[in-house]
């Protein structure tokens, strides 16, 4: 049985469709986020000793997700340089992933320089930076550098 749709019903259905498409678009590439599940499982929390990982493991993986003081963070190895940043995009707070030697926001595609954390391509604001996390290396192990009180 075919029921005729009123103009009001038609416009409501159209509005719902547009909102659904906008919500999916705002969430970014859902397939890439699903593929990133492995990284979320491997995400570790830095303990009281501030140990993150060994240099050898980081050299092998190139990037490693971790949580430090409740904030999602990322540790990077790039041509001998080791850097860490809070992994929260300066645009809308999405996580980034290392792709072809650049940090790429998984939600909207902003690109960051992995050695400085500076935004190279929007939608992240030009000149914005991912907050850096100070590191220290001891005997082949990488640690978050303790913040001195006072």
Protein backbone atom coordinates (compact mmCIF):
# COMPACT_ATOMS: atom_id res chain seq x y z
CA UNK A 1 0.00 0.00 0.00
CA UNK A 2 1.43 3.34 -1.07
CA UNK A 3 0.89 6.21 1.30
CA UNK A 4 1.34 9.75 0.08
CA UNK A 5 3.82 11.73 2.09
CA UNK A 6 2.94 15.24 3.18
CA UNK A 7 5.30 18.10 2.48
CA UNK A 8 6.07 18.34 6.21
CA UNK A 9 6.92 14.60 6.41
CA UNK A 10 9.09 14.86 3.29
CA UNK A 11 11.05 17.83 4.67
CA UNK A 12 11.48 16.11 8.06
CA UNK A 13 12.84 12.98 6.38
CA UNK A 14 15.20 15.11 4.27
CA UNK A 15 16.45 16.98 7.34
CA UNK A 16 17.11 13.69 9.17
CA UNK A 17 19.07 12.39 6.19
CA UNK A 18 21.20 15.54 5.99
CA UNK A 19 21.89 15.39 9.75
CA UNK A 20 22.89 11.73 9.52
CA UNK A 21 25.32 12.44 6.67
CA UNK A 22 26.77 15.42 8.58
CA UNK A 23 27.26 13.31 11.71
CA UNK A 24 29.11 10.59 9.80
CA UNK A 25 31.26 13.18 8.02
CA UNK A 26 32.09 14.95 11.29
CA UNK A 27 33.30 11.70 12.76
CA UNK A 28 35.85 11.29 10.01
CA UNK A 29 36.80 8.17 8.16
CA UNK A 30 34.95 5.46 10.07
CA UNK A 31 36.81 2.68 8.31
CA UNK A 32 40.17 4.15 9.36
CA UNK A 33 38.92 4.57 12.92
CA UNK A 34 37.85 0.94 12.96
CA UNK A 35 41.26 -0.11 11.67
CA UNK A 36 42.81 1.94 14.47
CA UNK A 37 41.28 -0.37 17.09
CA UNK A 38 44.54 -2.34 17.28
CA UNK A 39 46.38 0.81 18.35
CA UNK A 40 43.77 1.50 21.05
CA UNK A 41 44.23 -2.01 22.41
CA UNK A 42 48.01 -1.54 22.44
CA UNK A 43 47.73 1.85 24.13
CA UNK A 44 49.53 1.75 27.45
CA UNK A 45 49.34 3.89 30.54
CA UNK A 46 52.61 5.32 31.82
CA UNK A 47 53.13 4.26 35.43
CA UNK A 48 54.76 6.04 38.35
CA UNK A 49 58.23 5.16 37.03
CA UNK A 50 57.43 7.18 33.83
CA UNK A 51 58.70 4.30 31.61
CA UNK A 52 57.14 4.23 28.13
CA UNK A 53 59.08 1.67 26.07
CA UNK A 54 62.51 0.61 24.89
CA UNK A 55 64.25 2.49 22.09
CA UNK A 56 64.52 -0.78 20.11
CA UNK A 57 60.75 -1.33 20.26
CA UNK A 58 60.04 2.26 19.22
CA UNK A 59 62.50 2.03 16.30
CA UNK A 60 60.60 -1.05 15.13
CA UNK A 61 57.08 0.43 15.52
CA UNK A 62 57.91 4.09 14.60
CA UNK A 63 54.92 5.30 16.66
CA UNK A 64 53.38 4.21 19.92
CA UNK A 65 50.23 5.42 21.67
CA UNK A 66 50.27 5.90 25.42
CA UNK A 67 48.36 7.67 28.18
CA UNK A 68 50.24 10.06 30.45
CA UNK A 69 48.48 11.84 33.32
CA UNK A 70 45.12 10.89 31.80
CA UNK A 71 45.93 12.39 28.37
CA UNK A 72 46.22 10.41 25.17
CA UNK A 73 49.73 10.81 23.83
CA UNK A 74 51.92 9.56 21.00
CA UNK A 75 55.62 8.66 20.99
CA UNK A 76 57.42 8.96 17.64
CA UNK A 77 60.69 7.78 16.14
CA UNK A 78 61.82 9.68 13.05
CA UNK A 79 65.37 9.39 11.63
CA UNK A 80 66.94 8.93 15.06
CA UNK A 81 64.82 11.63 16.73
CA UNK A 82 62.41 10.66 19.49
CA UNK A 83 59.50 12.99 20.27
CA UNK A 84 56.25 12.76 22.22
CA UNK A 85 53.12 14.88 22.05
CA UNK A 86 49.66 14.93 23.51
CA UNK A 87 47.69 13.16 20.79
CA UNK A 88 44.82 15.62 20.70
CA UNK A 89 44.32 17.54 17.44
CA UNK A 90 44.24 21.32 17.85
CA UNK A 91 41.13 21.44 15.63
CA UNK A 92 38.51 19.27 17.37
CA UNK A 93 40.52 16.98 19.66
CA UNK A 94 40.75 13.92 17.43
CA UNK A 95 43.59 11.39 17.59
CA UNK A 96 46.40 11.43 15.05
CA UNK A 97 48.28 8.58 13.45
CA UNK A 98 51.70 8.47 11.80
CA UNK A 99 51.25 8.16 8.02
CA UNK A 100 54.12 8.58 5.57
CA UNK A 101 56.26 10.51 8.09
CA UNK A 102 53.48 12.97 9.05
CA UNK A 103 50.96 12.95 11.87
CA UNK A 104 47.46 12.91 10.39
CA UNK A 105 44.32 13.57 12.42
CA UNK A 106 42.00 10.59 12.03
CA UNK A 107 38.86 12.72 12.25
CA UNK A 108 39.35 15.55 9.75
CA UNK A 109 42.76 15.06 8.13
CA UNK A 110 44.77 17.89 9.71
CA UNK A 111 48.50 17.26 9.23
CA UNK A 112 51.21 17.87 11.85
CA UNK A 113 55.01 17.84 11.66
CA UNK A 114 56.18 14.88 13.78
CA UNK A 115 59.37 16.60 15.00
CA UNK A 116 57.73 19.82 16.20
CA UNK A 117 54.01 19.02 16.51
CA UNK A 118 53.20 22.10 14.40
CA UNK A 119 50.08 22.09 12.20
CA UNK A 120 51.08 21.94 8.53
CA UNK A 121 47.61 21.62 6.99
CA UNK A 122 44.13 22.48 8.26
CA UNK A 123 41.58 22.29 9.47
CA UNK A 124 43.87 22.64 12.53
CA UNK A 125 44.59 26.35 13.09
CA UNK A 126 47.75 27.54 11.33
CA UNK A 127 50.66 27.85 13.75
CA UNK A 128 49.00 25.68 16.40
CA UNK A 129 51.06 22.88 17.95
CA UNK A 130 50.41 19.62 19.68
CA UNK A 131 51.64 20.03 23.28
CA UNK A 132 55.10 18.44 23.59
CA UNK A 133 55.94 15.94 26.31
CA UNK A 134 59.53 16.06 27.53
CA UNK A 135 61.41 12.77 27.38
CA UNK A 136 64.63 11.30 28.64
CA UNK A 137 66.45 8.18 27.54
CA UNK A 138 68.37 5.99 29.97
CA UNK A 139 70.12 2.74 29.09
CA UNK A 140 68.03 2.15 25.96
CA UNK A 141 64.71 2.93 27.66
CA UNK A 142 62.47 5.95 27.05
CA UNK A 143 60.81 7.76 29.94
CA UNK A 144 58.62 10.82 30.37
CA UNK A 145 60.92 13.39 31.99
CA UNK A 146 59.74 14.05 35.55
CA UNK A 147 58.50 17.56 36.20
CA UNK A 148 60.38 19.15 39.07
CA UNK A 149 58.17 20.65 41.74
CA UNK A 150 58.61 24.22 42.85
